[in-house]
Amino acid sequence: MLSTAPITAFLSTTSARQAKAFYGTTLGLRLLGEDDFALVFAAQGAPVRIQNVKAVTPQPFTALGWQVTSIRRSVRALAKRGVKFERYSFMEQDEDGIWLAPGGTMVAWFKDPEEHVLSLSQAG
């Protein structure tokens, strides 16, 4: 029933100013709109709606991810913009923080200002 309906991704923030700077300037997403309730950014194929809330409880798993054609180039470009990539003691990651999954996909994780876990992946 919903397989052909467009999807919207949702996240939350307590600071629209910080979210606007991070998603707009740091990540380079185009701002589609903003009001008292949310910021809406354009992402390939789906809008990302970042809702203004009083409190955020980020989850310990990936909330939003991007599939990129060159993870190394993307990681290094974001690192130059101040993004810090996560290191996890329970998995082997290379010097850029990239993990090679058993199936060959490469993944790197980072957090937004509210500590939502975000990821980049490159298919193997």
Foldseek 3Di string as FASTA:
>chain_A
DCPPPQDAAEAEDQDPVQVCCCVCVLVPWDWPDDDQFWTWTDDVRYIYTYGHDNDDDADPDAREEEEDADVVVVLVSSVVSVWDWDADPVFDADPSQWGQDPQGKIKIWTAGPNRHIYMYIYHD
